[in-house]
Structure formats: C-alpha cells, structure tokens
Amino acid sequence: MNNKLIALLTLITLMSFGCATNTQVSGVAYKPSKCPMPSGFKLEKAIETAETSLTGCPDQLDRIFQKLLDIAKHKPAKENSISIQLMLKNLIKKNAISERYAKELYKKYFSISFISIPDIKSYQLKDEMNSIHRSLKDELDQKKIGMVDCCADRENFKKAESEYIRIVNFLSDLVLNEEYLKGKKENWN
C-alpha cells in the first residue's frame, strides 16, 4: 500500500510540474509580437499591420516590404503600388523610416527608371561591366515582381525592359569607345 501511495504522490507531483511548465510555454506562445509581420491575402489589411510594425521596428522594412509584395501577388492590380507608396509616404512623414531608402526600395520594384547605375569613371567600366550588368539584371527582375506579378502592369514593365536594354547598350558603347580611344592614343605614340 505504501508503494502505491508513493507512486500516486510522485505521479501527482510530476503532473503538477508538467502543468506549470505548459502554462509558462503557452503564456509565451500567446504573447503578441511587438513587430508582427503582415499576413493574409488582403493588401489593405496587410498594409495596416505593416505600418504599425514599421513604426516600432523600422529595421524590418526590407522583410515587411517583401511580405507585402507576396501578398499583393494574390490579387495583382495597379492600385497595389499606389497603396504601398502611400504607406511608405506615411511612414516617412512619421519619421519612422528613411526617405531616401524608402524611395530607392520603391523604385527598384515599381519605377521604369533604374537606380543600380553606379557612379563610375568610363575607364573603369570595362572591369566593372559584369558586375554592373548583373546589378541591372537583378533590378529588372525586381521590377518584374513589382510591375507584373503585383500590379499586372505589363505595359510599364516593357518600358523598363527597354530602358534596361538602352542602359546596357549605352554602357557597352562607352566601353568600346574607351577602348577605341585608348587604341588611337597608343597609335600616336
């Protein structure tokens, strides 16, 4: 009988520790996050969450912006870029995020013009051409996500593609011109 009583008390003691542990774990699990990530399939609701999160956690701008793009893909419309732009402008007015960085981030995805064009001397272009080309291509891919996947704006994406081709051709021509001039200079010596 003593053995049964000891076993029963041990079992009750272990169960009470288990319950206490579970209470603590579940208490942590239900604690709301200071910086919730936008979720769901409705962009307007996700933008509300994003604004709240970015007001307290501006360092999460890249992650939250990517999440908004993912949500916008569920219902592509030209208004999506306007909604995201208005959110960024509101956050800039609240001084929650950097104006310069927010504009650059927005332009990477929704503008025809490219921001990946480096400030470089023409004589350095030849050595940097692969890197520049890769950066421009990456930005064109981002524009496809923003313009086509999120906004169903194929017309502006075609303009961005034309701009991409124009920039790449221009830079290639600069490299060729620099090489031509270098050859001419060597012939004069």
N, C-alpha and C. Protein backbone atom coordinates (compact mmCIF):
# COMPACT_ATOMS: atom_id res chain seq x y z
N MET A 1 0.81 -1.18 0.00
CA MET A 1 0.00 0.00 0.00
C MET A 1 0.86 1.25 0.00
N ASN A 2 1.93 1.25 0.77
CA ASN A 2 2.85 2.38 0.80
C ASN A 2 3.44 2.66 -0.56
N ASN A 3 3.78 1.60 -1.28
CA ASN A 3 4.36 1.77 -2.62
C ASN A 3 3.35 2.42 -3.57
N LYS A 4 2.07 2.04 -3.45
CA LYS A 4 1.04 2.62 -4.30
C LYS A 4 0.84 4.10 -3.96
N LEU A 5 0.87 4.43 -2.68
CA LEU A 5 0.70 5.82 -2.25
C LEU A 5 1.87 6.69 -2.71
N ILE A 6 3.07 6.15 -2.62
CA ILE A 6 4.26 6.88 -3.07
C ILE A 6 4.21 7.09 -4.58
N ALA A 7 3.80 6.09 -5.31
CA ALA A 7 3.71 6.19 -6.76
C ALA A 7 2.66 7.22 -7.15
N LEU A 8 1.52 7.21 -6.44
CA LEU A 8 0.46 8.16 -6.72
C LEU A 8 0.90 9.59 -6.43
N LEU A 9 1.59 9.80 -5.30
CA LEU A 9 2.10 11.14 -4.97
C LEU A 9 3.16 11.60 -5.97
N THR A 10 4.00 10.69 -6.39
CA THR A 10 5.02 11.02 -7.39
C THR A 10 4.36 11.43 -8.70
N LEU A 11 3.34 10.68 -9.09
CA LEU A 11 2.63 10.97 -10.34
C LEU A 11 1.96 12.35 -10.25
N ILE A 12 1.31 12.65 -9.13
CA ILE A 12 0.65 13.93 -8.96
C ILE A 12 1.68 15.06 -8.99
N THR A 13 2.81 14.85 -8.32
CA THR A 13 3.87 15.86 -8.31
C THR A 13 4.39 16.11 -9.71
N LEU A 14 4.66 15.06 -10.47
CA LEU A 14 5.16 15.21 -11.84
C LEU A 14 4.14 15.90 -12.73
N MET A 15 2.89 15.57 -12.56
CA MET A 15 1.84 16.20 -13.36
C MET A 15 1.74 17.69 -13.05
N SER A 16 1.89 18.05 -11.79
CA SER A 16 1.80 19.46 -11.45
C SER A 16 2.97 20.25 -12.03
N PHE A 17 4.17 19.63 -12.05
CA PHE A 17 5.29 20.30 -12.71
C PHE A 17 5.05 20.42 -14.20
N GLY A 18 4.52 19.40 -14.79
CA GLY A 18 4.20 19.42 -16.22
C GLY A 18 3.21 20.51 -16.55
N CYS A 19 2.19 20.65 -15.72
CA CYS A 19 1.19 21.71 -15.96
C CYS A 19 1.80 23.08 -15.82
N ALA A 20 2.64 23.27 -14.83
CA ALA A 20 3.29 24.57 -14.64
C ALA A 20 4.16 24.91 -15.84
N THR A 21 4.88 23.92 -16.32
CA THR A 21 5.73 24.15 -17.49
C THR A 21 4.88 24.49 -18.70
N ASN A 22 3.80 23.76 -18.91
CA ASN A 22 2.94 24.03 -20.06
C ASN A 22 2.32 25.42 -19.97
N THR A 23 1.96 25.86 -18.79
CA THR A 23 1.38 27.18 -18.62
C THR A 23 2.38 28.25 -19.02
N GLN A 24 3.63 28.07 -18.62
CA GLN A 24 4.64 29.05 -18.97
C GLN A 24 4.86 29.07 -20.47
N VAL A 25 4.95 27.90 -21.10
CA VAL A 25 5.18 27.84 -22.54
C VAL A 25 4.02 28.46 -23.29
N SER A 26 2.79 28.11 -22.89
CA SER A 26 1.65 28.67 -23.61
C SER A 26 1.53 30.16 -23.35
N GLY A 27 1.94 30.64 -22.19
CA GLY A 27 1.93 32.07 -21.92
C GLY A 27 2.85 32.82 -22.86
N VAL A 28 4.01 32.24 -23.18
CA VAL A 28 4.94 32.87 -24.10
C VAL A 28 4.40 32.79 -25.52
N ALA A 29 3.80 31.68 -25.88
CA ALA A 29 3.32 31.48 -27.24
C ALA A 29 2.21 32.46 -27.60
N TYR A 30 1.42 32.90 -26.65
CA TYR A 30 0.31 33.78 -26.94
C TYR A 30 0.65 35.25 -26.76
N LYS A 31 1.85 35.55 -26.36
CA LYS A 31 2.26 36.93 -26.18
C LYS A 31 2.35 37.58 -27.57
N PRO A 32 1.66 38.69 -27.78
CA PRO A 32 1.69 39.32 -29.10
C PRO A 32 3.08 39.87 -29.42
N SER A 33 3.43 39.77 -30.69
CA SER A 33 4.73 40.25 -31.15
C SER A 33 4.71 41.78 -31.23
N LYS A 34 5.83 42.38 -30.89
CA LYS A 34 5.98 43.83 -30.99
C LYS A 34 5.97 44.26 -32.46
N CYS A 35 6.46 43.39 -33.32
CA CYS A 35 6.59 43.71 -34.75
C CYS A 35 5.96 42.60 -35.59
N PRO A 36 4.63 42.50 -35.60
CA PRO A 36 4.01 41.42 -36.38
C PRO A 36 4.24 41.61 -37.87
N MET A 37 4.41 40.50 -38.55
CA MET A 37 4.57 40.53 -40.00
C MET A 37 3.18 40.55 -40.64
N PRO A 38 3.02 41.30 -41.73
CA PRO A 38 1.74 41.28 -42.44
C PRO A 38 1.46 39.87 -42.94
N SER A 39 0.18 39.51 -42.97
CA SER A 39 -0.19 38.18 -43.44
C SER A 39 -1.55 38.25 -44.11
N GLY A 40 -1.98 37.12 -44.61
CA GLY A 40 -3.28 37.03 -45.26
C GLY A 40 -3.20 37.27 -46.75
N PHE A 41 -4.34 37.61 -47.34
CA PHE A 41 -4.43 37.78 -48.78
C PHE A 41 -4.95 39.16 -49.19
N LYS A 42 -5.27 39.99 -48.20
CA LYS A 42 -5.79 41.33 -48.49
C LYS A 42 -4.71 42.37 -48.20
N LEU A 43 -4.31 43.07 -49.24
CA LEU A 43 -3.20 44.01 -49.13
C LEU A 43 -3.53 45.16 -48.18
N GLU A 44 -4.71 45.69 -48.22
CA GLU A 44 -5.05 46.83 -47.36
C GLU A 44 -4.88 46.48 -45.88
N LYS A 45 -5.36 45.32 -45.48
CA LYS A 45 -5.22 44.88 -44.09
C LYS A 45 -3.74 44.65 -43.76
N ALA A 46 -3.01 44.07 -44.70
CA ALA A 46 -1.58 43.82 -44.50
C ALA A 46 -0.81 45.13 -44.36
N ILE A 47 -1.22 46.15 -45.10
CA ILE A 47 -0.56 47.45 -45.02
C ILE A 47 -0.78 48.08 -43.65
N GLU A 48 -1.97 47.92 -43.09
CA GLU A 48 -2.24 48.43 -41.74
C GLU A 48 -1.26 47.79 -40.74
N THR A 49 -1.12 46.47 -40.84
CA THR A 49 -0.19 45.76 -39.95
C THR A 49 1.24 46.23 -40.19
N ALA A 50 1.59 46.41 -41.46
CA ALA A 50 2.95 46.84 -41.80
C ALA A 50 3.26 48.22 -41.22
N GLU A 51 2.31 49.14 -41.33
CA GLU A 51 2.53 50.49 -40.78
C GLU A 51 2.75 50.45 -39.28
N THR A 52 1.94 49.66 -38.60
CA THR A 52 2.08 49.53 -37.15
C THR A 52 3.44 48.93 -36.80
N SER A 53 3.81 47.88 -37.50
CA SER A 53 5.08 47.22 -37.23
C SER A 53 6.26 48.13 -37.52
N LEU A 54 6.23 48.81 -38.65
CA LEU A 54 7.36 49.64 -39.05
C LEU A 54 7.50 50.89 -38.19
N THR A 55 6.42 51.33 -37.57
CA THR A 55 6.52 52.46 -36.65
C THR A 55 7.40 52.09 -35.46
N GLY A 56 7.27 50.84 -35.00
CA GLY A 56 8.08 50.38 -33.87
C GLY A 56 9.35 49.66 -34.25
N CYS A 57 9.39 49.14 -35.46
CA CYS A 57 10.54 48.33 -35.89
C CYS A 57 10.96 48.72 -37.31
N PRO A 58 11.52 49.92 -37.50
CA PRO A 58 11.89 50.35 -38.84
C PRO A 58 12.97 49.48 -39.49
N ASP A 59 13.73 48.76 -38.67
CA ASP A 59 14.78 47.90 -39.21
C ASP A 59 14.20 46.68 -39.96
N GLN A 60 12.90 46.48 -39.87
CA GLN A 60 12.24 45.35 -40.54
C GLN A 60 11.68 45.75 -41.91
N LEU A 61 12.01 46.92 -42.40
CA LEU A 61 11.43 47.43 -43.65
C LEU A 61 11.59 46.45 -44.81
N ASP A 62 12.79 45.92 -45.01
CA ASP A 62 13.01 45.01 -46.14
C ASP A 62 12.13 43.77 -46.05
N ARG A 63 12.10 43.15 -44.87
CA ARG A 63 11.31 41.92 -44.68
C ARG A 63 9.81 42.21 -44.86
N ILE A 64 9.34 43.30 -44.29
CA ILE A 64 7.92 43.63 -44.38
C ILE A 64 7.56 44.01 -45.80
N PHE A 65 8.43 44.74 -46.49
CA PHE A 65 8.18 45.11 -47.88
C PHE A 65 8.06 43.86 -48.74
N GLN A 66 8.95 42.89 -48.54
CA GLN A 66 8.88 41.63 -49.29
C GLN A 66 7.57 40.89 -49.01
N LYS A 67 7.14 40.90 -47.77
CA LYS A 67 5.89 40.24 -47.40
C LYS A 67 4.71 40.93 -48.08
N LEU A 68 4.73 42.25 -48.14
CA LEU A 68 3.67 42.97 -48.84
C LEU A 68 3.64 42.62 -50.33
N LEU A 69 4.80 42.47 -50.92
CA LEU A 69 4.86 42.06 -52.33
C LEU A 69 4.24 40.67 -52.51
N ASP A 70 4.56 39.76 -51.60
CA ASP A 70 3.99 38.41 -51.67
C ASP A 70 2.46 38.46 -51.56
N ILE A 71 1.95 39.30 -50.68
CA ILE A 71 0.50 39.42 -50.50
C ILE A 71 -0.13 40.06 -51.74
N ALA A 72 0.51 41.06 -52.31
CA ALA A 72 -0.02 41.74 -53.49
C ALA A 72 -0.11 40.80 -54.70
N LYS A 73 0.73 39.79 -54.74
CA LYS A 73 0.70 38.83 -55.85
C LYS A 73 -0.60 38.04 -55.91
N HIS A 74 -1.31 37.95 -54.79
CA HIS A 74 -2.56 37.19 -54.75
C HIS A 74 -3.67 37.88 -55.53
N LYS A 75 -3.60 39.20 -55.63
CA LYS A 75 -4.60 39.95 -56.38
C LYS A 75 -3.91 41.12 -57.08
N PRO A 76 -3.18 40.82 -58.17
CA PRO A 76 -2.43 41.88 -58.87
C PRO A 76 -3.36 42.97 -59.40
N ALA A 77 -2.99 44.21 -59.10
CA ALA A 77 -3.74 45.37 -59.58
C ALA A 77 -2.82 46.59 -59.52
N LYS A 78 -3.00 47.52 -60.44
CA LYS A 78 -2.16 48.72 -60.49
C LYS A 78 -2.25 49.51 -59.19
N GLU A 79 -3.37 49.42 -58.49
CA GLU A 79 -3.55 50.15 -57.24
C GLU A 79 -2.61 49.65 -56.14
N ASN A 80 -2.10 48.44 -56.27
CA ASN A 80 -1.22 47.88 -55.24
C ASN A 80 0.02 48.74 -55.04
N SER A 81 0.60 49.21 -56.13
CA SER A 81 1.81 50.04 -56.00
C SER A 81 1.47 51.38 -55.33
N ILE A 82 0.29 51.90 -55.63
CA ILE A 82 -0.13 53.17 -55.02
C ILE A 82 -0.33 52.99 -53.53
N SER A 83 -0.95 51.88 -53.13
CA SER A 83 -1.17 51.61 -51.71
C SER A 83 0.15 51.48 -50.95
N ILE A 84 1.10 50.77 -51.54
CA ILE A 84 2.40 50.60 -50.90
C ILE A 84 3.13 51.94 -50.84
N GLN A 85 3.04 52.73 -51.90
CA GLN A 85 3.68 54.04 -51.91
C GLN A 85 3.09 54.95 -50.84
N LEU A 86 1.78 54.95 -50.69
CA LEU A 86 1.14 55.78 -49.66
C LEU A 86 1.58 55.35 -48.26
N MET A 87 1.70 54.05 -48.05
CA MET A 87 2.17 53.56 -46.76
C MET A 87 3.58 54.09 -46.48
N LEU A 88 4.46 53.99 -47.47
CA LEU A 88 5.83 54.48 -47.30
C LEU A 88 5.85 55.98 -47.02
N LYS A 89 5.03 56.74 -47.73
CA LYS A 89 4.97 58.18 -47.50
C LYS A 89 4.49 58.50 -46.09
N ASN A 90 3.49 57.76 -45.61
CA ASN A 90 3.01 57.97 -44.24
C ASN A 90 4.10 57.69 -43.22
N LEU A 91 4.86 56.63 -43.44
CA LEU A 91 5.93 56.28 -42.52
C LEU A 91 7.06 57.30 -42.56
N ILE A 92 7.31 57.87 -43.73
CA ILE A 92 8.33 58.93 -43.85
C ILE A 92 7.86 60.17 -43.09
N LYS A 93 6.57 60.52 -43.23
CA LYS A 93 6.03 61.68 -42.51
C LYS A 93 6.14 61.49 -41.00
N LYS A 94 5.96 60.26 -40.55
CA LYS A 94 6.07 59.96 -39.11
C LYS A 94 7.51 59.86 -38.66
N ASN A 95 8.43 60.00 -39.63
CA ASN A 95 9.86 59.88 -39.36
C ASN A 95 10.23 58.49 -38.84
N ALA A 96 9.48 57.48 -39.32
CA ALA A 96 9.72 56.10 -38.89
C ALA A 96 10.74 55.40 -39.77
N ILE A 97 10.84 55.83 -41.03
CA ILE A 97 11.80 55.21 -41.96
C ILE A 97 12.51 56.29 -42.74
N SER A 98 13.64 55.93 -43.33
CA SER A 98 14.44 56.85 -44.12
C SER A 98 13.76 57.15 -45.45
N GLU A 99 13.63 58.42 -45.77
CA GLU A 99 13.01 58.81 -47.03
C GLU A 99 13.83 58.31 -48.22
N ARG A 100 15.12 58.49 -48.17
CA ARG A 100 15.99 58.07 -49.26
C ARG A 100 15.89 56.57 -49.51
N TYR A 101 15.99 55.80 -48.43
CA TYR A 101 15.96 54.34 -48.58
C TYR A 101 14.58 53.87 -49.05
N ALA A 102 13.52 54.45 -48.52
CA ALA A 102 12.16 54.05 -48.92
C ALA A 102 11.93 54.33 -50.40
N LYS A 103 12.41 55.48 -50.88
CA LYS A 103 12.26 55.81 -52.30
C LYS A 103 13.04 54.83 -53.17
N GLU A 104 14.26 54.50 -52.76
CA GLU A 104 15.06 53.56 -53.53
C GLU A 104 14.39 52.18 -53.57
N LEU A 105 13.89 51.74 -52.44
CA LEU A 105 13.23 50.44 -52.38
C LEU A 105 12.00 50.42 -53.27
N TYR A 106 11.21 51.46 -53.22
CA TYR A 106 10.01 51.54 -54.05
C TYR A 106 10.38 51.56 -55.54
N LYS A 107 11.37 52.38 -55.91
CA LYS A 107 11.77 52.50 -57.31
C LYS A 107 12.31 51.19 -57.87
N LYS A 108 12.99 50.40 -57.04
CA LYS A 108 13.51 49.12 -57.51
C LYS A 108 12.41 48.23 -58.06
N TYR A 109 11.23 48.32 -57.50
CA TYR A 109 10.14 47.42 -57.87
C TYR A 109 9.08 48.06 -58.76
N PHE A 110 8.88 49.36 -58.66
CA PHE A 110 7.72 49.95 -59.33
C PHE A 110 8.03 51.08 -60.30
N SER A 111 9.28 51.43 -60.51
CA SER A 111 9.63 52.52 -61.40
C SER A 111 10.30 52.01 -62.67
N ILE A 112 10.07 52.73 -63.74
CA ILE A 112 10.70 52.38 -65.01
C ILE A 112 12.19 52.66 -64.97
N SER A 113 12.57 53.71 -64.25
CA SER A 113 13.99 54.07 -64.19
C SER A 113 14.75 53.15 -63.24
N PHE A 114 16.05 53.06 -63.48
CA PHE A 114 16.91 52.16 -62.71
C PHE A 114 17.75 52.95 -61.72
N ILE A 115 17.93 52.39 -60.53
CA ILE A 115 18.76 53.03 -59.52
C ILE A 115 20.10 52.33 -59.36
N SER A 116 20.29 51.20 -60.05
CA SER A 116 21.52 50.41 -59.91
C SER A 116 22.66 50.89 -60.79
N ILE A 117 22.52 52.05 -61.38
CA ILE A 117 23.57 52.58 -62.24
C ILE A 117 24.62 53.24 -61.35
N PRO A 118 25.82 52.70 -61.34
CA PRO A 118 26.84 53.24 -60.43
C PRO A 118 27.46 54.53 -60.95
N ASP A 119 28.00 55.29 -60.06
CA ASP A 119 28.76 56.49 -60.40
C ASP A 119 30.20 56.03 -60.59
N ILE A 120 30.59 55.83 -61.84
CA ILE A 120 31.89 55.21 -62.13
C ILE A 120 32.53 55.94 -63.31
N LYS A 121 33.83 55.99 -63.31
CA LYS A 121 34.57 56.60 -64.40
C LYS A 121 34.56 55.68 -65.62
N SER A 122 34.55 56.27 -66.79
CA SER A 122 34.45 55.46 -68.01
C SER A 122 35.61 54.49 -68.17
N TYR A 123 36.79 54.87 -67.72
CA TYR A 123 37.93 53.96 -67.86
C TYR A 123 37.83 52.76 -66.92
N GLN A 124 36.93 52.81 -65.92
CA GLN A 124 36.72 51.69 -65.01
C GLN A 124 35.60 50.77 -65.47
N LEU A 125 34.82 51.21 -66.45
CA LEU A 125 33.66 50.46 -66.89
C LEU A 125 33.99 49.04 -67.36
N LYS A 126 35.04 48.91 -68.13
CA LYS A 126 35.37 47.60 -68.69
C LYS A 126 35.54 46.56 -67.58
N ASP A 127 36.23 46.92 -66.51
CA ASP A 127 36.47 45.98 -65.41
C ASP A 127 35.21 45.72 -64.59
N GLU A 128 34.32 46.67 -64.56
CA GLU A 128 33.11 46.57 -63.72
C GLU A 128 31.87 46.16 -64.50
N MET A 129 31.99 45.96 -65.80
CA MET A 129 30.81 45.74 -66.65
C MET A 129 30.00 44.52 -66.23
N ASN A 130 30.63 43.42 -65.90
CA ASN A 130 29.88 42.22 -65.49
C ASN A 130 29.08 42.48 -64.22
N SER A 131 29.70 43.14 -63.27
CA SER A 131 29.03 43.46 -62.01
C SER A 131 27.86 44.42 -62.24
N ILE A 132 28.06 45.42 -63.07
CA ILE A 132 27.01 46.39 -63.37
C ILE A 132 25.86 45.71 -64.09
N HIS A 133 26.20 44.89 -65.06
CA HIS A 133 25.18 44.17 -65.82
C HIS A 133 24.35 43.28 -64.89
N ARG A 134 24.99 42.60 -63.98
CA ARG A 134 24.31 41.71 -63.02
C ARG A 134 23.38 42.52 -62.10
N SER A 135 23.84 43.68 -61.63
CA SER A 135 23.02 44.53 -60.77
C SER A 135 21.78 45.04 -61.52
N LEU A 136 21.99 45.45 -62.76
CA LEU A 136 20.86 45.92 -63.56
C LEU A 136 19.87 44.80 -63.84
N LYS A 137 20.38 43.61 -64.11
CA LYS A 137 19.50 42.45 -64.36
C LYS A 137 18.72 42.10 -63.11
N ASP A 138 19.37 42.14 -61.95
CA ASP A 138 18.67 41.88 -60.68
C ASP A 138 17.55 42.90 -60.47
N GLU A 139 17.83 44.16 -60.77
CA GLU A 139 16.80 45.18 -60.61
C GLU A 139 15.66 44.98 -61.60
N LEU A 140 15.98 44.56 -62.82
CA LEU A 140 14.93 44.28 -63.79
C LEU A 140 14.04 43.14 -63.29
N ASP A 141 14.65 42.12 -62.67
CA ASP A 141 13.87 41.02 -62.09
C ASP A 141 12.96 41.53 -60.97
N GLN A 142 13.46 42.47 -60.17
CA GLN A 142 12.64 43.05 -59.10
C GLN A 142 11.48 43.85 -59.70
N LYS A 143 11.74 44.56 -60.79
CA LYS A 143 10.69 45.32 -61.45
C LYS A 143 9.61 44.39 -62.01
N LYS A 144 10.01 43.23 -62.46
CA LYS A 144 9.03 42.24 -62.94
C LYS A 144 8.13 41.80 -61.80
N ILE A 145 8.71 41.56 -60.64
CA ILE A 145 7.91 41.17 -59.48
C ILE A 145 6.92 42.30 -59.14
N GLY A 146 7.43 43.52 -59.05
CA GLY A 146 6.57 44.64 -58.68
C GLY A 146 5.53 44.99 -59.74
N MET A 147 5.98 45.17 -60.96
CA MET A 147 5.08 45.64 -62.00
C MET A 147 4.14 44.55 -62.54
N VAL A 148 4.69 43.38 -62.82
CA VAL A 148 3.88 42.33 -63.44
C VAL A 148 3.18 41.46 -62.39
N ASP A 149 3.95 40.89 -61.48
CA ASP A 149 3.37 39.95 -60.51
C ASP A 149 2.44 40.63 -59.51
N CYS A 150 2.77 41.84 -59.07
CA CYS A 150 1.96 42.53 -58.04
C CYS A 150 0.93 43.49 -58.62
N CYS A 151 1.23 44.05 -59.78
CA CYS A 151 0.37 45.12 -60.32
C CYS A 151 -0.25 44.80 -61.68
N ALA A 152 0.12 43.70 -62.29
CA ALA A 152 -0.38 43.33 -63.62
C ALA A 152 -0.18 44.46 -64.62
N ASP A 153 0.97 45.13 -64.52
CA ASP A 153 1.28 46.28 -65.36
C ASP A 153 2.37 45.91 -66.37
N ARG A 154 1.99 45.14 -67.36
CA ARG A 154 2.95 44.67 -68.37
C ARG A 154 3.45 45.82 -69.25
N GLU A 155 2.62 46.81 -69.45
CA GLU A 155 3.00 47.95 -70.29
C GLU A 155 4.21 48.69 -69.71
N ASN A 156 4.16 49.01 -68.44
CA ASN A 156 5.30 49.70 -67.82
C ASN A 156 6.50 48.79 -67.68
N PHE A 157 6.27 47.49 -67.48
CA PHE A 157 7.41 46.58 -67.42
C PHE A 157 8.12 46.53 -68.77
N LYS A 158 7.38 46.55 -69.86
CA LYS A 158 8.00 46.58 -71.19
C LYS A 158 8.86 47.84 -71.34
N LYS A 159 8.39 48.96 -70.80
CA LYS A 159 9.18 50.20 -70.83
C LYS A 159 10.45 50.04 -70.00
N ALA A 160 10.33 49.38 -68.86
CA ALA A 160 11.50 49.14 -68.02
C ALA A 160 12.49 48.22 -68.73
N GLU A 161 11.99 47.21 -69.44
CA GLU A 161 12.88 46.33 -70.22
C GLU A 161 13.61 47.12 -71.30
N SER A 162 12.89 48.02 -71.96
CA SER A 162 13.52 48.86 -73.00
C SER A 162 14.59 49.75 -72.38
N GLU A 163 14.29 50.30 -71.21
CA GLU A 163 15.26 51.14 -70.50
C GLU A 163 16.50 50.32 -70.13
N TYR A 164 16.27 49.11 -69.67
CA TYR A 164 17.37 48.20 -69.32
C TYR A 164 18.28 47.96 -70.54
N ILE A 165 17.68 47.64 -71.66
CA ILE A 165 18.44 47.39 -72.89
C ILE A 165 19.19 48.65 -73.31
N ARG A 166 18.53 49.80 -73.23
CA ARG A 166 19.17 51.06 -73.60
C ARG A 166 20.38 51.34 -72.72
N ILE A 167 20.26 51.11 -71.42
CA ILE A 167 21.37 51.37 -70.49
C ILE A 167 22.53 50.41 -70.76
N VAL A 168 22.22 49.13 -70.91
CA VAL A 168 23.28 48.14 -71.16
C VAL A 168 24.00 48.46 -72.47
N ASN A 169 23.26 48.79 -73.50
CA ASN A 169 23.88 49.14 -74.78
C ASN A 169 24.73 50.40 -74.67
N PHE A 170 24.22 51.39 -73.95
CA PHE A 170 24.97 52.63 -73.76
C PHE A 170 26.29 52.37 -73.04
N LEU A 171 26.23 51.60 -71.96
CA LEU A 171 27.45 51.29 -71.21
C LEU A 171 28.43 50.47 -72.05
N SER A 172 27.91 49.53 -72.83
CA SER A 172 28.78 48.74 -73.73
C SER A 172 29.45 49.65 -74.75
N ASP A 173 28.68 50.60 -75.28
CA ASP A 173 29.24 51.55 -76.25
C ASP A 173 30.32 52.42 -75.61
N LEU A 174 30.12 52.81 -74.35
CA LEU A 174 31.14 53.58 -73.64
C LEU A 174 32.44 52.78 -73.50
N VAL A 175 32.30 51.49 -73.20
CA VAL A 175 33.48 50.63 -73.07
C VAL A 175 34.20 50.54 -74.41
N LEU A 176 33.43 50.31 -75.47
CA LEU A 176 34.04 50.22 -76.80
C LEU A 176 34.70 51.54 -77.19
N ASN A 177 34.05 52.64 -76.90
CA ASN A 177 34.60 53.95 -77.21
C ASN A 177 35.90 54.19 -76.44
N GLU A 178 35.91 53.82 -75.17
CA GLU A 178 37.12 53.97 -74.35
C GLU A 178 38.27 53.14 -74.93
N GLU A 179 37.96 51.90 -75.35
CA GLU A 179 38.99 51.04 -75.95
C GLU A 179 39.47 51.62 -77.28
N TYR A 180 38.54 52.17 -78.07
CA TYR A 180 38.89 52.78 -79.34
C TYR A 180 39.82 53.97 -79.12
N LEU A 181 39.43 54.83 -78.16
CA LEU A 181 40.25 56.00 -77.88
C LEU A 181 41.62 55.60 -77.33
N LYS A 182 41.66 54.56 -76.54
CA LYS A 182 42.93 54.08 -75.98
C LYS A 182 43.83 53.57 -77.13
N GLY A 183 43.23 52.88 -78.11
CA GLY A 183 43.98 52.40 -79.26
C GLY A 183 44.50 53.55 -80.11
N LYS A 184 43.69 54.57 -80.31
CA LYS A 184 44.11 55.75 -81.06
C LYS A 184 45.26 56.46 -80.37
N LYS A 185 45.15 56.56 -79.04
CA LYS A 185 46.18 57.23 -78.27
C LYS A 185 47.51 56.50 -78.39
N GLU A 186 47.45 55.17 -78.36
CA GLU A 186 48.67 54.36 -78.46
C GLU A 186 49.30 54.49 -79.84
N ASN A 187 48.47 54.68 -80.88
CA ASN A 187 49.00 54.84 -82.23
C ASN A 187 49.70 56.17 -82.42
N TRP A 188 49.37 57.17 -81.63
CA TRP A 188 50.01 58.46 -81.73
C TRP A 188 51.40 58.46 -81.10
N ASN A 189 51.65 57.52 -80.22
CA ASN A 189 52.96 57.49 -79.56
C ASN A 189 54.00 56.84 -80.39
